[in-house]
Amino acid sequence: MNRIEIKSGVCNGKPVIRGTRITVQTVLSYLSAGDTIEDVLLGHAQLSRKDVLACLEYARRLSEMHTTVELAS
């Protein structure tokens, strides 16, 4: 997880891809909207495939937390 960093002075403390101001949330939003990894890379030339995969890994780890939230339907 050395590709993801959290700094209070960068993007309000949201997790970002190291050395950028691109948030993990931004990358995941593109992917969840149906964009491919290649689409994300075309839109953000400074990112690598490993950066995008690190965002997915970050999300996977968060999903393993033992907290349950009921979503409204």
PDB file of N, CA and C in Angstrom:
ATOM      1  N   MET A   1       0.816  -1.190   0.000  1.00  0.00           N
ATOM      2  CA  MET A   1       0.000   0.000   0.000  1.00  0.00           C
ATOM      3  C   MET A   1       0.863   1.259   0.000  1.00  0.00           C
ATOM      4  N   ASN A   2       2.068   1.174  -0.503  1.00  0.00           N
ATOM      5  CA  ASN A   2       2.939   2.343  -0.526  1.00  0.00           C
ATOM      6  C   ASN A   2       2.572   3.341  -1.624  1.00  0.00           C
ATOM      7  N   ARG A   3       1.581   3.032  -2.438  1.00  0.00           N
ATOM      8  CA  ARG A   3       1.143   3.948  -3.492  1.00  0.00           C
ATOM      9  C   ARG A   3       0.032   4.887  -3.022  1.00  0.00           C
ATOM     10  N   ILE A   4      -0.552   4.604  -1.877  1.00  0.00           N
ATOM     11  CA  ILE A   4      -1.635   5.421  -1.339  1.00  0.00           C
ATOM     12  C   ILE A   4      -1.118   6.146  -0.104  1.00  0.00           C
ATOM     13  N   GLU A   5      -1.427   7.442  -0.017  1.00  0.00           N
ATOM     14  CA  GLU A   5      -1.004   8.200   1.157  1.00  0.00           C
ATOM     15  C   GLU A   5      -2.145   9.090   1.641  1.00  0.00           C
ATOM     16  N   ILE A   6      -2.088   9.405   2.913  1.00  0.00           N
ATOM     17  CA  ILE A   6      -3.060  10.304   3.523  1.00  0.00           C
ATOM     18  C   ILE A   6      -2.275  11.379   4.258  1.00  0.00           C
ATOM     19  N   LYS A   7      -2.499  12.625   3.859  1.00  0.00           N
ATOM     20  CA  LYS A   7      -1.858  13.773   4.503  1.00  0.00           C
ATOM     21  C   LYS A   7      -2.946  14.805   4.779  1.00  0.00           C
ATOM     22  N   SER A   8      -2.962  15.324   5.975  1.00  0.00           N
ATOM     23  CA  SER A   8      -4.032  16.254   6.357  1.00  0.00           C
ATOM     24  C   SER A   8      -4.097  17.482   5.454  1.00  0.00           C
ATOM     25  N   GLY A   9      -2.989  17.917   4.896  1.00  0.00           N
ATOM     26  CA  GLY A   9      -2.980  19.112   4.057  1.00  0.00           C
ATOM     27  C   GLY A   9      -3.226  18.865   2.582  1.00  0.00           C
ATOM     28  N   VAL A  10      -3.460  17.621   2.204  1.00  0.00           N
ATOM     29  CA  VAL A  10      -3.685  17.282   0.792  1.00  0.00           C
ATOM     30  C   VAL A  10      -5.092  16.730   0.641  1.00  0.00           C
ATOM     31  N   CYS A  11      -5.887  17.388  -0.174  1.00  0.00           N
ATOM     32  CA  CYS A  11      -7.263  16.943  -0.473  1.00  0.00           C
ATOM     33  C   CYS A  11      -8.062  16.672   0.796  1.00  0.00           C
ATOM     34  N   ASN A  12      -7.919  17.553   1.773  1.00  0.00           N
ATOM     35  CA  ASN A  12      -8.670  17.444   3.036  1.00  0.00           C
ATOM     36  C   ASN A  12      -8.459  16.119   3.753  1.00  0.00           C
ATOM     37  N   GLY A  13      -7.285  15.536   3.593  1.00  0.00           N
ATOM     38  CA  GLY A  13      -6.967  14.304   4.297  1.00  0.00           C
ATOM     39  C   GLY A  13      -7.529  13.046   3.670  1.00  0.00           C
ATOM     40  N   LYS A  14      -8.092  13.159   2.477  1.00  0.00           N
ATOM     41  CA  LYS A  14      -8.591  11.961   1.787  1.00  0.00           C
ATOM     42  C   LYS A  14      -7.403  11.163   1.253  1.00  0.00           C
ATOM     43  N   PRO A  15      -7.550   9.855   1.141  1.00  0.00           N
ATOM     44  CA  PRO A  15      -6.462   9.056   0.568  1.00  0.00           C
ATOM     45  C   PRO A  15      -6.250   9.418  -0.901  1.00  0.00           C
ATOM     46  N   VAL A  16      -5.002   9.636  -1.266  1.00  0.00           N
ATOM     47  CA  VAL A  16      -4.645   9.982  -2.639  1.00  0.00           C
ATOM     48  C   VAL A  16      -3.548   9.048  -3.133  1.00  0.00           C
ATOM     49  N   ILE A  17      -3.368   9.045  -4.431  1.00  0.00           N
ATOM     50  CA  ILE A  17      -2.257   8.309  -5.003  1.00  0.00           C
ATOM     51  C   ILE A  17      -0.998   9.131  -4.735  1.00  0.00           C
ATOM     52  N   ARG A  18      -0.011   8.495  -4.159  1.00  0.00           N
ATOM     53  CA  ARG A  18       1.227   9.167  -3.718  1.00  0.00           C
ATOM     54  C   ARG A  18       1.776  10.082  -4.810  1.00  0.00           C
ATOM     55  N   GLY A  19       2.107  11.296  -4.383  1.00  0.00           N
ATOM     56  CA  GLY A  19       2.706  12.258  -5.298  1.00  0.00           C
ATOM     57  C   GLY A  19       1.726  12.984  -6.197  1.00  0.00           C
ATOM     58  N   THR A  20       0.430  12.737  -6.012  1.00  0.00           N
ATOM     59  CA  THR A  20      -0.587  13.397  -6.828  1.00  0.00           C
ATOM     60  C   THR A  20      -1.657  13.978  -5.907  1.00  0.00           C
ATOM     61  N   ARG A  21      -2.608  14.648  -6.502  1.00  0.00           N
ATOM     62  CA  ARG A  21      -3.793  15.102  -5.777  1.00  0.00           C
ATOM     63  C   ARG A  21      -5.020  14.345  -6.308  1.00  0.00           C
ATOM     64  N   ILE A  22      -4.783  13.178  -6.862  1.00  0.00           N
ATOM     65  CA  ILE A  22      -5.868  12.335  -7.376  1.00  0.00           C
ATOM     66  C   ILE A  22      -6.288  11.398  -6.255  1.00  0.00           C
ATOM     67  N   THR A  23      -7.548  11.534  -5.826  1.00  0.00           N
ATOM     68  CA  THR A  23      -8.019  10.736  -4.701  1.00  0.00           C
ATOM     69  C   THR A  23      -8.374   9.313  -5.139  1.00  0.00           C
ATOM     70  N   VAL A  24      -8.279   8.428  -4.178  1.00  0.00           N
ATOM     71  CA  VAL A  24      -8.728   7.050  -4.394  1.00  0.00           C
ATOM     72  C   VAL A  24     -10.199   7.074  -4.795  1.00  0.00           C
ATOM     73  N   GLN A  25     -10.967   7.932  -4.160  1.00  0.00           N
ATOM     74  CA  GLN A  25     -12.399   8.059  -4.460  1.00  0.00           C
ATOM     75  C   GLN A  25     -12.627   8.405  -5.931  1.00  0.00           C
ATOM     76  N   THR A  26     -11.807   9.289  -6.481  1.00  0.00           N
ATOM     77  CA  THR A  26     -11.952   9.666  -7.885  1.00  0.00           C
ATOM     78  C   THR A  26     -11.750   8.464  -8.788  1.00  0.00           C
ATOM     79  N   VAL A  27     -10.695   7.719  -8.544  1.00  0.00           N
ATOM     80  CA  VAL A  27     -10.403   6.543  -9.373  1.00  0.00           C
ATOM     81  C   VAL A  27     -11.519   5.509  -9.238  1.00  0.00           C
ATOM     82  N   LEU A  28     -11.963   5.259  -8.018  1.00  0.00           N
ATOM     83  CA  LEU A  28     -13.026   4.278  -7.813  1.00  0.00           C
ATOM     84  C   LEU A  28     -14.340   4.737  -8.444  1.00  0.00           C
ATOM     85  N   SER A  29     -14.586   6.035  -8.445  1.00  0.00           N
ATOM     86  CA  SER A  29     -15.805   6.558  -9.077  1.00  0.00           C
ATOM     87  C   SER A  29     -15.810   6.268 -10.572  1.00  0.00           C
ATOM     88  N   TYR A  30     -14.668   6.476 -11.213  1.00  0.00           N
ATOM     89  CA  TYR A  30     -14.577   6.157 -12.639  1.00  0.00           C
ATOM     90  C   TYR A  30     -14.834   4.672 -12.889  1.00  0.00           C
ATOM     91  N   LEU A  31     -14.175   3.834 -12.106  1.00  0.00           N
ATOM     92  CA  LEU A  31     -14.315   2.394 -12.305  1.00  0.00           C
ATOM     93  C   LEU A  31     -15.737   1.927 -12.034  1.00  0.00           C
ATOM     94  N   SER A  32     -16.364   2.458 -10.989  1.00  0.00           N
ATOM     95  CA  SER A  32     -17.727   2.026 -10.662  1.00  0.00           C
ATOM     96  C   SER A  32     -18.746   2.544 -11.680  1.00  0.00           C
ATOM     97  N   ALA A  33     -18.391   3.590 -12.425  1.00  0.00           N
ATOM     98  CA  ALA A  33     -19.271   4.103 -13.473  1.00  0.00           C
ATOM     99  C   ALA A  33     -19.129   3.316 -14.772  1.00  0.00           C
ATOM    100  N   GLY A  34     -18.189   2.371 -14.785  1.00  0.00           N
ATOM    101  CA  GLY A  34     -18.027   1.515 -15.955  1.00  0.00           C
ATOM    102  C   GLY A  34     -16.792   1.786 -16.782  1.00  0.00           C
ATOM    103  N   ASP A  35     -16.007   2.795 -16.394  1.00  0.00           N
ATOM    104  CA  ASP A  35     -14.762   3.042 -17.110  1.00  0.00           C
ATOM    105  C   ASP A  35     -13.791   1.891 -16.858  1.00  0.00           C
ATOM    106  N   THR A  36     -12.958   1.625 -17.827  1.00  0.00           N
ATOM    107  CA  THR A  36     -11.937   0.590 -17.670  1.00  0.00           C
ATOM    108  C   THR A  36     -10.683   1.214 -17.063  1.00  0.00           C
ATOM    109  N   ILE A  37      -9.774   0.365 -16.650  1.00  0.00           N
ATOM    110  CA  ILE A  37      -8.491   0.866 -16.156  1.00  0.00           C
ATOM    111  C   ILE A  37      -7.810   1.685 -17.253  1.00  0.00           C
ATOM    112  N   GLU A  38      -7.911   1.226 -18.482  1.00  0.00           N
ATOM    113  CA  GLU A  38      -7.293   1.943 -19.591  1.00  0.00           C
ATOM    114  C   GLU A  38      -7.909   3.326 -19.765  1.00  0.00           C
ATOM    115  N   ASP A  39      -9.245   3.440 -19.565  1.00  0.00           N
ATOM    116  CA  ASP A  39      -9.909   4.748 -19.633  1.00  0.00           C
ATOM    117  C   ASP A  39      -9.352   5.692 -18.573  1.00  0.00           C
ATOM    118  N   VAL A  40      -9.188   5.179 -17.368  1.00  0.00           N
ATOM    119  CA  VAL A  40      -8.655   6.000 -16.269  1.00  0.00           C
ATOM    120  C   VAL A  40      -7.242   6.458 -16.609  1.00  0.00           C
ATOM    121  N   LEU A  41      -6.442   5.569 -17.138  1.00  0.00           N
ATOM    122  CA  LEU A  41      -5.057   5.915 -17.482  1.00  0.00           C
ATOM    123  C   LEU A  41      -4.996   6.944 -18.605  1.00  0.00           C
ATOM    124  N   LEU A  42      -5.921   6.863 -19.548  1.00  0.00           N
ATOM    125  CA  LEU A  42      -5.961   7.850 -20.626  1.00  0.00           C
ATOM    126  C   LEU A  42      -6.317   9.236 -20.098  1.00  0.00           C
ATOM    127  N   GLY A  43      -7.183   9.280 -19.098  1.00  0.00           N
ATOM    128  CA  GLY A  43      -7.594  10.547 -18.529  1.00  0.00           C
ATOM    129  C   GLY A  43      -6.615  11.131 -17.529  1.00  0.00           C
ATOM    130  N   HIS A  44      -5.723  10.303 -17.017  1.00  0.00           N
ATOM    131  CA  HIS A  44      -4.755  10.728 -15.998  1.00  0.00           C
ATOM    132  C   HIS A  44      -3.394  10.130 -16.348  1.00  0.00           C
ATOM    133  N   ALA A  45      -2.699  10.812 -17.223  1.00  0.00           N
ATOM    134  CA  ALA A  45      -1.445  10.286 -17.768  1.00  0.00           C
ATOM    135  C   ALA A  45      -0.381  10.028 -16.701  1.00  0.00           C
ATOM    136  N   GLN A  46      -0.476  10.719 -15.553  1.00  0.00           N
ATOM    137  CA  GLN A  46       0.543  10.538 -14.507  1.00  0.00           C
ATOM    138  C   GLN A  46       0.333   9.258 -13.703  1.00  0.00           C
ATOM    139  N   LEU A  47      -0.785   8.571 -13.909  1.00  0.00           N
ATOM    140  CA  LEU A  47      -1.058   7.332 -13.176  1.00  0.00           C
ATOM    141  C   LEU A  47      -0.542   6.120 -13.939  1.00  0.00           C
ATOM    142  N   SER A  48      -0.267   5.073 -13.185  1.00  0.00           N
ATOM    143  CA  SER A  48       0.106   3.794 -13.781  1.00  0.00           C
ATOM    144  C   SER A  48      -0.971   2.769 -13.441  1.00  0.00           C
ATOM    145  N   ARG A  49      -0.914   1.666 -14.122  1.00  0.00           N
ATOM    146  CA  ARG A  49      -1.848   0.573 -13.840  1.00  0.00           C
ATOM    147  C   ARG A  49      -1.732   0.146 -12.374  1.00  0.00           C
ATOM    148  N   LYS A  50      -0.518   0.127 -11.848  1.00  0.00           N
ATOM    149  CA  LYS A  50      -0.314  -0.255 -10.452  1.00  0.00           C
ATOM    150  C   LYS A  50      -0.994   0.726  -9.503  1.00  0.00           C
ATOM    151  N   ASP A  51      -1.048   2.004  -9.865  1.00  0.00           N
ATOM    152  CA  ASP A  51      -1.738   2.992  -9.035  1.00  0.00           C
ATOM    153  C   ASP A  51      -3.236   2.677  -8.964  1.00  0.00           C
ATOM    154  N   VAL A  52      -3.828   2.373 -10.110  1.00  0.00           N
ATOM    155  CA  VAL A  52      -5.262   2.061 -10.155  1.00  0.00           C
ATOM    156  C   VAL A  52      -5.539   0.786  -9.365  1.00  0.00           C
ATOM    157  N   LEU A  53      -4.694  -0.207  -9.519  1.00  0.00           N
ATOM    158  CA  LEU A  53      -4.869  -1.457  -8.776  1.00  0.00           C
ATOM    159  C   LEU A  53      -4.697  -1.222  -7.272  1.00  0.00           C
ATOM    160  N   ALA A  54      -3.830  -0.301  -6.903  1.00  0.00           N
ATOM    161  CA  ALA A  54      -3.655   0.034  -5.482  1.00  0.00           C
ATOM    162  C   ALA A  54      -4.931   0.643  -4.917  1.00  0.00           C
ATOM    163  N   CYS A  55      -5.640   1.426  -5.719  1.00  0.00           N
ATOM    164  CA  CYS A  55      -6.927   1.984  -5.273  1.00  0.00           C
ATOM    165  C   CYS A  55      -7.934   0.866  -5.021  1.00  0.00           C
ATOM    166  N   LEU A  56      -7.970  -0.104  -5.897  1.00  0.00           N
ATOM    167  CA  LEU A  56      -8.872  -1.246  -5.700  1.00  0.00           C
ATOM    168  C   LEU A  56      -8.489  -2.039  -4.457  1.00  0.00           C
ATOM    169  N   GLU A  57      -7.207  -2.223  -4.242  1.00  0.00           N
ATOM    170  CA  GLU A  57      -6.737  -2.935  -3.051  1.00  0.00           C
ATOM    171  C   GLU A  57      -7.098  -2.159  -1.788  1.00  0.00           C
ATOM    172  N   TYR A  58      -6.965  -0.848  -1.836  1.00  0.00           N
ATOM    173  CA  TYR A  58      -7.329  -0.005  -0.696  1.00  0.00           C
ATOM    174  C   TYR A  58      -8.821  -0.197  -0.370  1.00  0.00           C
ATOM    175  N   ALA A  59      -9.657  -0.166  -1.393  1.00  0.00           N
ATOM    176  CA  ALA A  59     -11.099  -0.355  -1.196  1.00  0.00           C
ATOM    177  C   ALA A  59     -11.397  -1.749  -0.655  1.00  0.00           C
ATOM    178  N   ARG A  60     -10.691  -2.743  -1.152  1.00  0.00           N
ATOM    179  CA  ARG A  60     -10.906  -4.115  -0.669  1.00  0.00           C
ATOM    180  C   ARG A  60     -10.589  -4.204   0.814  1.00  0.00           C
ATOM    181  N   ARG A  61      -9.491  -3.607   1.207  1.00  0.00           N
ATOM    182  CA  ARG A  61      -9.108  -3.651   2.625  1.00  0.00           C
ATOM    183  C   ARG A  61     -10.129  -2.935   3.497  1.00  0.00           C
ATOM    184  N   LEU A  62     -10.641  -1.818   3.016  1.00  0.00           N
ATOM    185  CA  LEU A  62     -11.671  -1.108   3.783  1.00  0.00           C
ATOM    186  C   LEU A  62     -12.930  -1.955   3.931  1.00  0.00           C
ATOM    187  N   SER A  63     -13.255  -2.720   2.901  1.00  0.00           N
ATOM    188  CA  SER A  63     -14.468  -3.533   2.950  1.00  0.00           C
ATOM    189  C   SER A  63     -14.357  -4.676   3.954  1.00  0.00           C
ATOM    190  N   GLU A  64     -13.139  -4.997   4.372  1.00  0.00           N
ATOM    191  CA  GLU A  64     -12.946  -6.068   5.337  1.00  0.00           C
ATOM    192  C   GLU A  64     -13.144  -5.614   6.783  1.00  0.00           C
ATOM    193  N   MET A  65     -13.354  -4.316   6.965  1.00  0.00           N
ATOM    194  CA  MET A  65     -13.581  -3.825   8.323  1.00  0.00           C
ATOM    195  C   MET A  65     -14.864  -4.448   8.868  1.00  0.00           C
ATOM    196  N   HIS A  66     -14.930  -4.622  10.148  1.00  0.00           N
ATOM    197  CA  HIS A  66     -16.056  -5.332  10.759  1.00  0.00           C
ATOM    198  C   HIS A  66     -17.158  -4.373  11.202  1.00  0.00           C
ATOM    199  N   THR A  67     -17.503  -3.455  10.334  1.00  0.00           N
ATOM    200  CA  THR A  67     -18.581  -2.523  10.611  1.00  0.00           C
ATOM    201  C   THR A  67     -19.698  -2.780   9.619  1.00  0.00           C
ATOM    202  N   THR A  68     -20.914  -2.767  10.087  1.00  0.00           N
ATOM    203  CA  THR A  68     -22.062  -2.979   9.235  1.00  0.00           C
ATOM    204  C   THR A  68     -22.862  -1.695   9.151  1.00  0.00           C
ATOM    205  N   VAL A  69     -23.210  -1.328   7.926  1.00  0.00           N
ATOM    206  CA  VAL A  69     -24.031  -0.146   7.687  1.00  0.00           C
ATOM    207  C   VAL A  69     -25.207  -0.573   6.842  1.00  0.00           C
ATOM    208  N   GLU A  70     -26.410  -0.288   7.299  1.00  0.00           N
ATOM    209  CA  GLU A  70     -27.596  -0.618   6.515  1.00  0.00           C
ATOM    210  C   GLU A  70     -27.861   0.507   5.539  1.00  0.00           C
ATOM    211  N   LEU A  71     -27.993   0.158   4.262  1.00  0.00           N
ATOM    212  CA  LEU A  71     -28.239   1.136   3.224  1.00  0.00           C
ATOM    213  C   LEU A  71     -29.733   1.276   2.987  1.00  0.00           C
ATOM    214  N   ALA A  72     -30.195   2.489   2.805  1.00  0.00           N
ATOM    215  CA  ALA A  72     -31.607   2.722   2.490  1.00  0.00           C
ATOM    216  C   ALA A  72     -31.850   2.304   1.051  1.00  0.00           C
ATOM    217  N   SER A  73     -33.020   1.743   0.802  1.00  0.00           N
ATOM    218  CA  SER A  73     -33.304   1.334  -0.576  1.00  0.00           C
ATOM    219  C   SER A  73     -34.268   2.248  -1.262  1.00  0.00           C
TER     220      SER A  73
END
